[in-house]
Amino acid sequence: MPYLPRSPRRSEPHSPRRYTAAEIRLAAEPPSRRRDRDLARVAEWLSADPAAPMRAVGWEPDPWQAAFLANGHPRRALLCCRRAGKSAASAARTLTHCLGGGDRLALVFSPTERQSREYCRYVRRYARALGHPVGIARQNLNEVEWANGSRLLSLPDNHEGVVGFTPTRIVIDEASRVSDVLYLSLRPMLATGGEIELLSTPFGKRGFFFEIFNTPARLAAFGCRHRVTWRDVRRITPEFIAEERLELGERWFRQEWETSFEDAVDAVFAADAVRRAACDDPETAPLFGTRA
């Protein structure tokens, strides 16, 4: 068949689009105002659905995680068994905090730098899964800075060098294994506002985390507090728990899976015996007197 050139398409008359008054006002807005409005929209969205970061990566929160994320109290304490998802839930709240306003600073502490980096990875993963609703200006293994000026710093258990920060959020992960000196150094940072969050599995009857959970007046200051055992975690099966009970022994099992504060493995005397020995009760007074 011979090649036949196509006839040129007749051009249609062009009718200009009519813009609405709202669209004209929007286009005339300065970029800074549009950016502020977009950031406010992100903050409103995450405030209405605080579990959105977890769902974005395919994790449906357990009931205790949903309740924890929905509670806005600035003092928060989580006493959880292993694999409960405490760091995952806390990281979702940290991302919501940083994206919910400009120039916020979240400090996250763990016993080691490697553990702090893992927490930071949770936050970056959530932000990526959400499609980066607020752009990232700078990031590395230990820090994320967003376009709204908010920052996340992940740090190890070292009180030196932390003085001088003005955080709006402090998280202490694996708090039962973090030193008292670090905790005492961080507390004054809350004097002018900000929130603090403690999360951990028990690790012996010692340290500030143990004392908080065993002192009603101190625990009452934490308006959001949860005690989560393996029974509250849908991913942990009774069959696995039965195996753990056999392998770990009762004391270590109660600590890891029942959130029980047990005597340290290397303790010579039980903590309760030491406490009774220091009591002024005449029934428990020393059998032998002391001489000057």
C-alpha atoms as a PDB file:
ATOM      1  CA  MET A   1       0.000   0.000   0.000  1.00  0.00           C
ATOM      2  CA  PRO A   2       1.466   3.355  -0.948  1.00  0.00           C
ATOM      3  CA  TYR A   3       2.284   5.765   1.845  1.00  0.00           C
ATOM      4  CA  LEU A   4      -0.362   8.425   2.187  1.00  0.00           C
ATOM      5  CA  PRO A   5       0.512  11.423   4.289  1.00  0.00           C
ATOM      6  CA  ARG A   6      -2.019  12.264   6.964  1.00  0.00           C
ATOM      7  CA  SER A   7      -3.997  15.393   6.503  1.00  0.00           C
ATOM      8  CA  PRO A   8      -3.139  18.035   9.095  1.00  0.00           C
ATOM      9  CA  ARG A   9      -5.455  18.058  12.120  1.00  0.00           C
ATOM     10  CA  ARG A  10      -7.699  21.060  12.204  1.00  0.00           C
ATOM     11  CA  SER A  11      -6.859  23.209  15.172  1.00  0.00           C
ATOM     12  CA  GLU A  12      -9.629  23.707  17.686  1.00  0.00           C
ATOM     13  CA  PRO A  13     -10.365  27.198  18.925  1.00  0.00           C
ATOM     14  CA  HIS A  14      -8.706  27.678  22.348  1.00  0.00           C
ATOM     15  CA  SER A  15     -10.902  28.887  25.167  1.00  0.00           C
ATOM     16  CA  PRO A  16      -8.931  30.332  28.107  1.00  0.00           C
ATOM     17  CA  ARG A  17      -9.555  28.733  31.496  1.00  0.00           C
ATOM     18  CA  ARG A  18     -11.368  30.835  34.016  1.00  0.00           C
ATOM     19  CA  TYR A  19      -9.725  30.797  37.472  1.00  0.00           C
ATOM     20  CA  THR A  20     -11.758  31.155  40.613  1.00  0.00           C
ATOM     21  CA  ALA A  21     -11.146  33.961  43.071  1.00  0.00           C
ATOM     22  CA  ALA A  22      -9.833  31.436  45.625  1.00  0.00           C
ATOM     23  CA  GLU A  23      -7.287  30.061  43.122  1.00  0.00           C
ATOM     24  CA  ILE A  24      -6.111  33.568  42.277  1.00  0.00           C
ATOM     25  CA  ARG A  25      -5.657  34.416  45.969  1.00  0.00           C
ATOM     26  CA  LEU A  26      -3.763  31.149  46.500  1.00  0.00           C
ATOM     27  CA  ALA A  27      -1.394  31.829  43.582  1.00  0.00           C
ATOM     28  CA  ALA A  28      -0.732  35.340  44.843  1.00  0.00           C
ATOM     29  CA  GLU A  29       0.274  34.164  48.332  1.00  0.00           C
ATOM     30  CA  PRO A  30       3.946  34.446  49.252  1.00  0.00           C
ATOM     31  CA  PRO A  31       5.769  31.053  49.290  1.00  0.00           C
ATOM     32  CA  SER A  32       6.428  31.334  53.038  1.00  0.00           C
ATOM     33  CA  ARG A  33       2.716  31.556  53.807  1.00  0.00           C
ATOM     34  CA  ARG A  34       1.934  28.580  51.592  1.00  0.00           C
ATOM     35  CA  ARG A  35       4.685  26.588  53.306  1.00  0.00           C
ATOM     36  CA  ASP A  36       3.320  27.444  56.750  1.00  0.00           C
ATOM     37  CA  ARG A  37      -0.148  26.398  55.683  1.00  0.00           C
ATOM     38  CA  ASP A  38       1.151  23.081  54.324  1.00  0.00           C
ATOM     39  CA  LEU A  39       3.060  22.404  57.565  1.00  0.00           C
ATOM     40  CA  ALA A  40      -0.053  23.177  59.603  1.00  0.00           C
ATOM     41  CA  ARG A  41      -1.973  20.701  57.472  1.00  0.00           C
ATOM     42  CA  VAL A  42       0.630  17.982  58.163  1.00  0.00           C
ATOM     43  CA  ALA A  43       0.488  18.696  61.899  1.00  0.00           C
ATOM     44  CA  GLU A  44      -3.307  18.514  61.894  1.00  0.00           C
ATOM     45  CA  TRP A  45      -3.251  15.232  59.970  1.00  0.00           C
ATOM     46  CA  LEU A  46      -0.782  13.525  62.335  1.00  0.00           C
ATOM     47  CA  SER A  47      -2.575  14.903  65.386  1.00  0.00           C
ATOM     48  CA  ALA A  48      -5.845  13.384  64.156  1.00  0.00           C
ATOM     49  CA  ASP A  49      -4.182  10.016  63.448  1.00  0.00           C
ATOM     50  CA  PRO A  50      -1.080   9.620  65.674  1.00  0.00           C
ATOM     51  CA  ALA A  51      -0.688   5.969  64.619  1.00  0.00           C
ATOM     52  CA  ALA A  52      -0.345   6.945  60.935  1.00  0.00           C
ATOM     53  CA  PRO A  53       3.467   6.446  60.893  1.00  0.00           C
ATOM     54  CA  MET A  54       3.125   2.855  62.110  1.00  0.00           C
ATOM     55  CA  ARG A  55       0.352   2.044  59.666  1.00  0.00           C
ATOM     56  CA  ALA A  56       2.377   3.553  56.834  1.00  0.00           C
ATOM     57  CA  VAL A  57       4.974   0.769  57.220  1.00  0.00           C
ATOM     58  CA  GLY A  58       2.297  -1.922  57.589  1.00  0.00           C
ATOM     59  CA  TRP A  59       2.225  -2.210  61.389  1.00  0.00           C
ATOM     60  CA  GLU A  60      -1.168  -2.197  63.027  1.00  0.00           C
ATOM     61  CA  PRO A  61      -0.622  -0.895  66.580  1.00  0.00           C
ATOM     62  CA  ASP A  62      -1.582  -3.026  69.563  1.00  0.00           C
ATOM     63  CA  PRO A  63      -4.327  -1.511  71.751  1.00  0.00           C
ATOM     64  CA  TRP A  64      -1.804  -0.258  74.321  1.00  0.00           C
ATOM     65  CA  GLN A  65       0.262   1.375  71.540  1.00  0.00           C
ATOM     66  CA  ALA A  66      -2.806   3.150  70.153  1.00  0.00           C
ATOM     67  CA  ALA A  67      -3.703   4.407  73.656  1.00  0.00           C
ATOM     68  CA  PHE A  68      -0.113   5.523  74.256  1.00  0.00           C
ATOM     69  CA  LEU A  69       0.070   7.444  70.969  1.00  0.00           C
ATOM     70  CA  ALA A  70      -3.278   9.144  71.584  1.00  0.00           C
ATOM     71  CA  ASN A  71      -2.284  10.364  75.059  1.00  0.00           C
ATOM     72  CA  GLY A  72      -0.728  13.824  74.927  1.00  0.00           C
ATOM     73  CA  HIS A  73       0.593  14.062  78.487  1.00  0.00           C
ATOM     74  CA  PRO A  74       4.150  15.507  78.613  1.00  0.00           C
ATOM     75  CA  ARG A  75       5.388  12.953  81.203  1.00  0.00           C
ATOM     76  CA  ARG A  76       5.308   9.389  79.884  1.00  0.00           C
ATOM     77  CA  ALA A  77       6.668   6.088  81.220  1.00  0.00           C
ATOM     78  CA  LEU A  78       6.565   2.682  79.536  1.00  0.00           C
ATOM     79  CA  LEU A  79       7.447  -0.487  81.450  1.00  0.00           C
ATOM     80  CA  CYS A  80       7.369  -3.171  78.769  1.00  0.00           C
ATOM     81  CA  CYS A  81       8.411  -6.735  78.156  1.00  0.00           C
ATOM     82  CA  ARG A  82      10.764  -7.635  75.333  1.00  0.00           C
ATOM     83  CA  ARG A  83       9.485  -7.266  71.760  1.00  0.00           C
ATOM     84  CA  ALA A  84       6.494  -5.225  72.885  1.00  0.00           C
ATOM     85  CA  GLY A  85       7.157  -2.507  70.317  1.00  0.00           C
ATOM     86  CA  LYS A  86       7.953   0.259  72.775  1.00  0.00           C
ATOM     87  CA  SER A  87      10.667   1.849  70.618  1.00  0.00           C
ATOM     88  CA  ALA A  88       8.489   1.580  67.523  1.00  0.00           C
ATOM     89  CA  ALA A  89       5.609   3.389  69.230  1.00  0.00           C
ATOM     90  CA  SER A  90       7.890   5.998  70.780  1.00  0.00           C
ATOM     91  CA  ALA A  91       9.592   6.722  67.443  1.00  0.00           C
ATOM     92  CA  ALA A  92       6.192   7.309  65.814  1.00  0.00           C
ATOM     93  CA  ARG A  93       5.426   9.890  68.471  1.00  0.00           C
ATOM     94  CA  THR A  94       8.851  11.497  68.035  1.00  0.00           C
ATOM     95  CA  LEU A  95       8.260  11.922  64.296  1.00  0.00           C
ATOM     96  CA  THR A  96       4.818  13.425  64.960  1.00  0.00           C
ATOM     97  CA  HIS A  97       6.396  15.807  67.457  1.00  0.00           C
ATOM     98  CA  CYS A  98       9.096  16.974  65.036  1.00  0.00           C
ATOM     99  CA  LEU A  99       6.748  17.407  62.082  1.00  0.00           C
ATOM    100  CA  GLY A 100       4.045  19.038  64.192  1.00  0.00           C
ATOM    101  CA  GLY A 101       5.870  22.336  64.637  1.00  0.00           C
ATOM    102  CA  GLY A 102       8.950  24.272  63.629  1.00  0.00           C
ATOM    103  CA  ASP A 103      12.302  24.486  65.392  1.00  0.00           C
ATOM    104  CA  ARG A 104      11.629  21.611  67.782  1.00  0.00           C
ATOM    105  CA  LEU A 105      14.459  19.536  69.229  1.00  0.00           C
ATOM    106  CA  ALA A 106      14.060  15.884  70.221  1.00  0.00           C
ATOM    107  CA  LEU A 107      16.926  14.239  72.125  1.00  0.00           C
ATOM    108  CA  VAL A 108      16.969  10.434  72.255  1.00  0.00           C
ATOM    109  CA  PHE A 109      19.319   8.620  74.647  1.00  0.00           C
ATOM    110  CA  SER A 110      20.138   4.914  74.865  1.00  0.00           C
ATOM    111  CA  PRO A 111      22.812   2.951  76.737  1.00  0.00           C
ATOM    112  CA  THR A 112      24.971   2.835  73.577  1.00  0.00           C
ATOM    113  CA  GLU A 113      25.324   4.894  70.398  1.00  0.00           C
ATOM    114  CA  ARG A 114      24.343   1.896  68.278  1.00  0.00           C
ATOM    115  CA  GLN A 115      20.996   1.574  70.081  1.00  0.00           C
ATOM    116  CA  SER A 116      20.322   5.282  69.655  1.00  0.00           C
ATOM    117  CA  ARG A 117      20.990   4.964  65.938  1.00  0.00           C
ATOM    118  CA  GLU A 118      18.440   2.154  65.682  1.00  0.00           C
ATOM    119  CA  TYR A 119      15.823   4.458  67.200  1.00  0.00           C
ATOM    120  CA  CYS A 120      16.770   7.119  64.651  1.00  0.00           C
ATOM    121  CA  ARG A 121      16.303   4.565  61.861  1.00  0.00           C
ATOM    122  CA  TYR A 122      12.746   3.948  63.016  1.00  0.00           C
ATOM    123  CA  VAL A 123      11.995   7.663  62.668  1.00  0.00           C
ATOM    124  CA  ARG A 124      13.570   7.907  59.206  1.00  0.00           C
ATOM    125  CA  ARG A 125      11.674   4.822  58.050  1.00  0.00           C
ATOM    126  CA  TYR A 126       8.354   6.299  59.151  1.00  0.00           C
ATOM    127  CA  ALA A 127       9.098   9.599  57.407  1.00  0.00           C
ATOM    128  CA  ARG A 128       9.972   7.759  54.185  1.00  0.00           C
ATOM    129  CA  ALA A 129       6.833   5.599  54.354  1.00  0.00           C
ATOM    130  CA  LEU A 130       4.664   8.714  54.789  1.00  0.00           C
ATOM    131  CA  GLY A 131       6.186  10.200  51.642  1.00  0.00           C
ATOM    132  CA  HIS A 132       8.229  12.835  53.499  1.00  0.00           C
ATOM    133  CA  PRO A 133       5.341  15.252  54.206  1.00  0.00           C
ATOM    134  CA  VAL A 134       8.025  17.633  55.506  1.00  0.00           C
ATOM    135  CA  GLY A 135      11.260  17.531  53.562  1.00  0.00           C
ATOM    136  CA  ILE A 136      14.531  16.479  55.193  1.00  0.00           C
ATOM    137  CA  ALA A 137      17.171  19.197  55.059  1.00  0.00           C
ATOM    138  CA  ARG A 138      20.036  17.135  56.477  1.00  0.00           C
ATOM    139  CA  GLN A 139      20.557  13.701  57.970  1.00  0.00           C
ATOM    140  CA  ASN A 140      23.200  11.238  59.074  1.00  0.00           C
ATOM    141  CA  LEU A 141      23.342   8.181  61.329  1.00  0.00           C
ATOM    142  CA  ASN A 142      22.770  10.229  64.485  1.00  0.00           C
ATOM    143  CA  GLU A 143      20.762  13.256  63.361  1.00  0.00           C
ATOM    144  CA  VAL A 144      17.803  14.285  61.234  1.00  0.00           C
ATOM    145  CA  GLU A 145      16.938  17.888  60.454  1.00  0.00           C
ATOM    146  CA  TRP A 146      13.698  18.747  58.685  1.00  0.00           C
ATOM    147  CA  ALA A 147      12.823  21.687  56.446  1.00  0.00           C
ATOM    148  CA  ASN A 148      10.691  23.195  59.236  1.00  0.00           C
ATOM    149  CA  GLY A 149      13.778  23.544  61.444  1.00  0.00           C
ATOM    150  CA  SER A 150      12.994  20.648  63.793  1.00  0.00           C
ATOM    151  CA  ARG A 151      15.779  18.226  64.686  1.00  0.00           C
ATOM    152  CA  LEU A 152      16.275  14.760  66.144  1.00  0.00           C
ATOM    153  CA  LEU A 153      19.569  13.908  67.848  1.00  0.00           C
ATOM    154  CA  SER A 154      20.306  10.325  68.943  1.00  0.00           C
ATOM    155  CA  LEU A 155      22.961  10.117  71.665  1.00  0.00           C
ATOM    156  CA  PRO A 156      24.554   7.496  73.959  1.00  0.00           C
ATOM    157  CA  ASP A 157      24.556   7.383  77.771  1.00  0.00           C
ATOM    158  CA  ASN A 158      27.048  10.163  78.450  1.00  0.00           C
ATOM    159  CA  HIS A 159      26.119  13.183  80.535  1.00  0.00           C
ATOM    160  CA  GLU A 160      29.139  15.145  79.333  1.00  0.00           C
ATOM    161  CA  GLY A 161      28.216  17.507  76.534  1.00  0.00           C
ATOM    162  CA  VAL A 162      24.436  17.418  76.991  1.00  0.00           C
ATOM    163  CA  VAL A 163      24.240  20.596  79.071  1.00  0.00           C
ATOM    164  CA  GLY A 164      23.276  23.557  76.911  1.00  0.00           C
ATOM    165  CA  PHE A 165      20.588  21.934  74.785  1.00  0.00           C
ATOM    166  CA  THR A 166      17.017  23.229  74.958  1.00  0.00           C
ATOM    167  CA  PRO A 167      14.977  20.188  73.943  1.00  0.00           C
ATOM    168  CA  THR A 168      11.233  20.113  73.465  1.00  0.00           C
ATOM    169  CA  ARG A 169      11.224  16.320  73.801  1.00  0.00           C
ATOM    170  CA  ILE A 170      13.523  13.911  75.662  1.00  0.00           C
ATOM    171  CA  VAL A 171      13.358  10.143  75.176  1.00  0.00           C
ATOM    172  CA  ILE A 172      15.391   7.684  77.273  1.00  0.00           C
ATOM    173  CA  ASP A 173      15.259   4.257  75.656  1.00  0.00           C
ATOM    174  CA  GLU A 174      16.187   1.195  77.764  1.00  0.00           C
ATOM    175  CA  ALA A 175      16.031   3.562  80.731  1.00  0.00           C
ATOM    176  CA  SER A 176      16.687   0.799  83.304  1.00  0.00           C
ATOM    177  CA  ARG A 177      20.206   0.442  81.848  1.00  0.00           C
ATOM    178  CA  VAL A 178      20.971   4.177  81.624  1.00  0.00           C
ATOM    179  CA  SER A 179      22.943   5.896  84.381  1.00  0.00           C
ATOM    180  CA  ASP A 180      21.309   8.014  87.076  1.00  0.00           C
ATOM    181  CA  VAL A 181      23.807  10.781  86.313  1.00  0.00           C
ATOM    182  CA  LEU A 182      22.433  11.206  82.790  1.00  0.00           C
ATOM    183  CA  TYR A 183      18.839  11.318  84.017  1.00  0.00           C
ATOM    184  CA  LEU A 184      19.668  13.882  86.700  1.00  0.00           C
ATOM    185  CA  SER A 185      21.517  15.986  84.109  1.00  0.00           C
ATOM    186  CA  LEU A 186      18.516  15.986  81.773  1.00  0.00           C
ATOM    187  CA  ARG A 187      15.763  16.820  84.240  1.00  0.00           C
ATOM    188  CA  PRO A 188      16.605  20.559  84.561  1.00  0.00           C
ATOM    189  CA  MET A 189      16.068  20.933  80.799  1.00  0.00           C
ATOM    190  CA  LEU A 190      12.324  20.566  81.404  1.00  0.00           C
ATOM    191  CA  ALA A 191      12.110  23.693  83.578  1.00  0.00           C
ATOM    192  CA  THR A 192      10.702  25.891  80.797  1.00  0.00           C
ATOM    193  CA  GLY A 193       8.554  23.248  79.126  1.00  0.00           C
ATOM    194  CA  GLY A 194       9.051  20.148  77.060  1.00  0.00           C
ATOM    195  CA  GLU A 195       8.186  16.498  77.477  1.00  0.00           C
ATOM    196  CA  ILE A 196      10.073  13.464  78.706  1.00  0.00           C
ATOM    197  CA  GLU A 197       9.494   9.821  77.896  1.00  0.00           C
ATOM    198  CA  LEU A 198      11.021   6.811  79.662  1.00  0.00           C
ATOM    199  CA  LEU A 199      10.760   3.342  78.154  1.00  0.00           C
ATOM    200  CA  SER A 200      12.398   0.132  79.227  1.00  0.00           C
ATOM    201  CA  THR A 201      12.275  -3.485  80.298  1.00  0.00           C
ATOM    202  CA  PRO A 202      13.244  -3.971  83.995  1.00  0.00           C
ATOM    203  CA  PHE A 203      16.875  -4.600  84.852  1.00  0.00           C
ATOM    204  CA  GLY A 204      17.237  -5.235  88.564  1.00  0.00           C
ATOM    205  CA  LYS A 205      16.063  -3.312  91.619  1.00  0.00           C
ATOM    206  CA  ARG A 206      18.285  -0.303  91.086  1.00  0.00           C
ATOM    207  CA  GLY A 207      18.462   3.012  89.279  1.00  0.00           C
ATOM    208  CA  PHE A 208      16.061   5.892  88.687  1.00  0.00           C
ATOM    209  CA  PHE A 209      13.712   3.864  86.479  1.00  0.00           C
ATOM    210  CA  PHE A 210      13.152   1.273  89.208  1.00  0.00           C
ATOM    211  CA  GLU A 211      12.730   3.984  91.841  1.00  0.00           C
ATOM    212  CA  ILE A 212      10.119   5.837  89.764  1.00  0.00           C
ATOM    213  CA  PHE A 213       7.990   2.736  89.291  1.00  0.00           C
ATOM    214  CA  ASN A 214       8.272   1.833  92.957  1.00  0.00           C
ATOM    215  CA  THR A 215       7.575   5.298  94.376  1.00  0.00           C
ATOM    216  CA  PRO A 216       3.860   6.162  93.944  1.00  0.00           C
ATOM    217  CA  ALA A 217       4.401   9.923  94.288  1.00  0.00           C
ATOM    218  CA  ARG A 218       7.047   9.947  91.548  1.00  0.00           C
ATOM    219  CA  LEU A 219       5.094   7.638  89.266  1.00  0.00           C
ATOM    220  CA  ALA A 220       1.977   9.793  89.623  1.00  0.00           C
ATOM    221  CA  ALA A 221       3.810  12.660  87.887  1.00  0.00           C
ATOM    222  CA  PHE A 222       3.875  10.557  84.725  1.00  0.00           C
ATOM    223  CA  GLY A 223       0.330  11.071  83.506  1.00  0.00           C
ATOM    224  CA  CYS A 224       0.785   8.577  80.687  1.00  0.00           C
ATOM    225  CA  ARG A 225       2.133   5.266  81.947  1.00  0.00           C
ATOM    226  CA  HIS A 226       1.738   1.709  80.714  1.00  0.00           C
ATOM    227  CA  ARG A 227       2.854  -1.652  82.028  1.00  0.00           C
ATOM    228  CA  VAL A 228       2.929  -4.110  79.126  1.00  0.00           C
ATOM    229  CA  THR A 229       3.544  -7.846  79.574  1.00  0.00           C
ATOM    230  CA  TRP A 230       3.737 -10.485  76.864  1.00  0.00           C
ATOM    231  CA  ARG A 231      -0.021 -11.040  77.206  1.00  0.00           C
ATOM    232  CA  ASP A 232      -0.612  -7.549  75.779  1.00  0.00           C
ATOM    233  CA  VAL A 233       1.389  -8.248  72.613  1.00  0.00           C
ATOM    234  CA  ARG A 234      -0.473 -10.097  69.893  1.00  0.00           C
ATOM    235  CA  ARG A 235       2.703 -11.185  68.110  1.00  0.00           C
ATOM    236  CA  ILE A 236       3.957 -13.302  71.042  1.00  0.00           C
ATOM    237  CA  THR A 237       2.522 -16.807  71.291  1.00  0.00           C
ATOM    238  CA  PRO A 238       1.976 -18.864  74.477  1.00  0.00           C
ATOM    239  CA  GLU A 239       4.078 -21.634  72.925  1.00  0.00           C
ATOM    240  CA  PHE A 240       7.099 -19.352  72.672  1.00  0.00           C
ATOM    241  CA  ILE A 241       6.561 -18.114  76.231  1.00  0.00           C
ATOM    242  CA  ALA A 242       6.486 -21.700  77.535  1.00  0.00           C
ATOM    243  CA  GLU A 243       9.829 -22.312  75.830  1.00  0.00           C
ATOM    244  CA  GLU A 244      11.282 -19.109  77.301  1.00  0.00           C
ATOM    245  CA  ARG A 245      10.202 -20.069  80.822  1.00  0.00           C
ATOM    246  CA  LEU A 246      12.155 -23.300  80.538  1.00  0.00           C
ATOM    247  CA  GLU A 247      15.262 -21.690  79.055  1.00  0.00           C
ATOM    248  CA  LEU A 248      15.533 -18.518  81.144  1.00  0.00           C
ATOM    249  CA  GLY A 249      14.557 -19.708  84.586  1.00  0.00           C
ATOM    250  CA  GLU A 250      11.908 -18.078  86.732  1.00  0.00           C
ATOM    251  CA  ARG A 251      13.756 -14.941  87.861  1.00  0.00           C
ATOM    252  CA  TRP A 252      15.025 -13.913  84.435  1.00  0.00           C
ATOM    253  CA  PHE A 253      11.706 -14.912  82.830  1.00  0.00           C
ATOM    254  CA  ARG A 254       9.723 -12.675  85.199  1.00  0.00           C
ATOM    255  CA  GLN A 255      12.044  -9.780  84.430  1.00  0.00           C
ATOM    256  CA  GLU A 256      12.004 -10.121  80.638  1.00  0.00           C
ATOM    257  CA  TRP A 257       8.379 -11.107  80.021  1.00  0.00           C
ATOM    258  CA  GLU A 258       6.357 -10.234  83.153  1.00  0.00           C
ATOM    259  CA  THR A 259       7.953  -6.770  83.719  1.00  0.00           C
ATOM    260  CA  SER A 260       8.976  -7.719  87.263  1.00  0.00           C
ATOM    261  CA  PHE A 261      11.832  -5.879  88.956  1.00  0.00           C
ATOM    262  CA  GLU A 262      14.008  -8.716  90.222  1.00  0.00           C
ATOM    263  CA  ASP A 263      17.202  -8.723  92.274  1.00  0.00           C
ATOM    264  CA  ALA A 264      20.321  -8.320  90.156  1.00  0.00           C
ATOM    265  CA  VAL A 265      21.939 -11.596  89.160  1.00  0.00           C
ATOM    266  CA  ASP A 266      25.263 -10.553  90.697  1.00  0.00           C
ATOM    267  CA  ALA A 267      23.738  -9.272  93.972  1.00  0.00           C
ATOM    268  CA  VAL A 268      25.140 -10.852  97.156  1.00  0.00           C
ATOM    269  CA  PHE A 269      22.075  -9.898  99.226  1.00  0.00           C
ATOM    270  CA  ALA A 270      18.478  -9.465  98.117  1.00  0.00           C
ATOM    271  CA  ALA A 271      17.341  -5.831  97.887  1.00  0.00           C
ATOM    272  CA  ASP A 272      14.473  -6.436 100.326  1.00  0.00           C
ATOM    273  CA  ALA A 273      16.890  -7.894 102.915  1.00  0.00           C
ATOM    274  CA  VAL A 274      19.139  -4.842 102.628  1.00  0.00           C
ATOM    275  CA  ARG A 275      16.149  -2.526 103.001  1.00  0.00           C
ATOM    276  CA  ARG A 276      14.933  -4.341 106.121  1.00  0.00           C
ATOM    277  CA  ALA A 277      18.424  -4.225 107.631  1.00  0.00           C
ATOM    278  CA  ALA A 278      18.431  -0.425 107.375  1.00  0.00           C
ATOM    279  CA  CYS A 279      15.026  -0.120 109.046  1.00  0.00           C
ATOM    280  CA  ASP A 280      14.619   1.428 112.524  1.00  0.00           C
ATOM    281  CA  ASP A 281      11.972  -1.118 113.488  1.00  0.00           C
ATOM    282  CA  PRO A 282      13.094  -2.697 116.818  1.00  0.00           C
ATOM    283  CA  GLU A 283      11.890  -6.090 115.603  1.00  0.00           C
ATOM    284  CA  THR A 284      14.474  -5.993 112.817  1.00  0.00           C
ATOM    285  CA  ALA A 285      17.262  -4.241 114.743  1.00  0.00           C
ATOM    286  CA  PRO A 286      20.788  -5.762 114.581  1.00  0.00           C
ATOM    287  CA  LEU A 287      21.431  -8.605 117.028  1.00  0.00           C
ATOM    288  CA  PHE A 288      24.768  -7.120 118.094  1.00  0.00           C
ATOM    289  CA  GLY A 289      25.295  -3.561 119.305  1.00  0.00           C
ATOM    290  CA  THR A 290      27.940  -1.271 117.886  1.00  0.00           C
ATOM    291  CA  ARG A 291      30.678   0.354 119.901  1.00  0.00           C
ATOM    292  CA  ALA A 292      32.152   3.796 119.213  1.00  0.00           C
END
